């Protein structure tokens, strides 16, 4: 799996394809920092099982 770096305005983002969706991570105004974060995140995804946490409301959380 490969990710990419996107620039919107003055901010760089790391884009990771996870299944059919893409996860966008805001990095900041520095491209070198975005490249470093991209390498770290791809390594983290390949090193072990990745699990995207489902967003729940507080009411659902309180019921559980």
C-alpha atoms as a PDB file:
ATOM      1  CA  UNK A   1       0.000   0.000   0.000  1.00  0.00           C
ATOM      2  CA  UNK A   2       1.175   3.482  -0.812  1.00  0.00           C
ATOM      3  CA  UNK A   3       0.038   6.803   0.417  1.00  0.00           C
ATOM      4  CA  UNK A   4       0.420  10.256  -1.045  1.00  0.00           C
ATOM      5  CA  UNK A   5       0.985  13.841  -0.027  1.00  0.00           C
ATOM      6  CA  UNK A   6      -1.536  16.491  -1.032  1.00  0.00           C
ATOM      7  CA  UNK A   7      -1.320  20.237  -0.634  1.00  0.00           C
ATOM      8  CA  UNK A   8      -4.419  22.362  -0.063  1.00  0.00           C
ATOM      9  CA  UNK A   9      -3.630  26.042   0.261  1.00  0.00           C
ATOM     10  CA  UNK A  10      -0.569  26.217   2.490  1.00  0.00           C
ATOM     11  CA  UNK A  11      -1.247  22.977   4.389  1.00  0.00           C
ATOM     12  CA  UNK A  12       0.095  19.532   3.539  1.00  0.00           C
ATOM     13  CA  UNK A  13      -1.940  16.375   4.112  1.00  0.00           C
ATOM     14  CA  UNK A  14      -0.976  12.701   4.126  1.00  0.00           C
ATOM     15  CA  UNK A  15      -3.554  10.566   2.303  1.00  0.00           C
ATOM     16  CA  UNK A  16      -3.686   6.853   3.109  1.00  0.00           C
ATOM     17  CA  UNK A  17      -5.911   4.417   1.183  1.00  0.00           C
ATOM     18  CA  UNK A  18      -7.645   2.163   3.716  1.00  0.00           C
ATOM     19  CA  UNK A  19      -9.966  -0.258   1.974  1.00  0.00           C
ATOM     20  CA  UNK A  20     -12.336   1.625  -0.324  1.00  0.00           C
ATOM     21  CA  UNK A  21     -11.876   4.876   1.630  1.00  0.00           C
ATOM     22  CA  UNK A  22      -9.037   7.338   2.143  1.00  0.00           C
ATOM     23  CA  UNK A  23      -7.827   8.686   5.462  1.00  0.00           C
ATOM     24  CA  UNK A  24      -6.563  12.300   5.425  1.00  0.00           C
ATOM     25  CA  UNK A  25      -4.072  13.351   8.108  1.00  0.00           C
ATOM     26  CA  UNK A  26      -3.356  17.062   8.473  1.00  0.00           C
ATOM     27  CA  UNK A  27       0.383  17.649   8.852  1.00  0.00           C
ATOM     28  CA  UNK A  28       1.122  21.346   8.451  1.00  0.00           C
ATOM     29  CA  UNK A  29       2.958  23.795   6.192  1.00  0.00           C
ATOM     30  CA  UNK A  30       6.168  21.740   5.829  1.00  0.00           C
ATOM     31  CA  UNK A  31       6.554  19.160   3.016  1.00  0.00           C
ATOM     32  CA  UNK A  32       9.508  17.420   4.706  1.00  0.00           C
ATOM     33  CA  UNK A  33       7.366  16.837   7.793  1.00  0.00           C
ATOM     34  CA  UNK A  34       4.575  15.419   5.596  1.00  0.00           C
ATOM     35  CA  UNK A  35       7.040  13.002   3.986  1.00  0.00           C
ATOM     36  CA  UNK A  36       8.222  11.874   7.429  1.00  0.00           C
ATOM     37  CA  UNK A  37       4.645  11.321   8.641  1.00  0.00           C
ATOM     38  CA  UNK A  38       3.795   9.402   5.453  1.00  0.00           C
ATOM     39  CA  UNK A  39       6.687   6.974   6.004  1.00  0.00           C
ATOM     40  CA  UNK A  40       5.735   6.487   9.666  1.00  0.00           C
ATOM     41  CA  UNK A  41       2.051   5.864   8.951  1.00  0.00           C
ATOM     42  CA  UNK A  42       2.680   3.417   6.096  1.00  0.00           C
ATOM     43  CA  UNK A  43       5.142   1.512   8.304  1.00  0.00           C
ATOM     44  CA  UNK A  44       2.594   1.463  11.135  1.00  0.00           C
ATOM     45  CA  UNK A  45      -0.102   0.087   8.830  1.00  0.00           C
ATOM     46  CA  UNK A  46       2.195  -2.655   7.526  1.00  0.00           C
ATOM     47  CA  UNK A  47       3.623  -3.656  10.910  1.00  0.00           C
ATOM     48  CA  UNK A  48       0.451  -4.966  12.482  1.00  0.00           C
ATOM     49  CA  UNK A  49      -3.301  -5.188  12.323  1.00  0.00           C
ATOM     50  CA  UNK A  50      -4.887  -1.812  11.689  1.00  0.00           C
ATOM     51  CA  UNK A  51      -8.356  -1.143  12.988  1.00  0.00           C
ATOM     52  CA  UNK A  52     -10.278   2.015  12.222  1.00  0.00           C
ATOM     53  CA  UNK A  53     -12.351   3.004  15.223  1.00  0.00           C
ATOM     54  CA  UNK A  54     -16.021   3.561  14.581  1.00  0.00           C
ATOM     55  CA  UNK A  55     -17.365   6.969  15.584  1.00  0.00           C
ATOM     56  CA  UNK A  56     -20.133   6.722  18.167  1.00  0.00           C
ATOM     57  CA  UNK A  57     -22.219   9.345  19.887  1.00  0.00           C
ATOM     58  CA  UNK A  58     -22.003   9.833  23.621  1.00  0.00           C
ATOM     59  CA  UNK A  59     -25.497   8.390  24.063  1.00  0.00           C
ATOM     60  CA  UNK A  60     -24.460   5.150  22.311  1.00  0.00           C
ATOM     61  CA  UNK A  61     -21.274   5.000  24.373  1.00  0.00           C
ATOM     62  CA  UNK A  62     -23.212   5.543  27.610  1.00  0.00           C
ATOM     63  CA  UNK A  63     -25.648   2.719  26.741  1.00  0.00           C
ATOM     64  CA  UNK A  64     -22.798   0.254  26.311  1.00  0.00           C
END
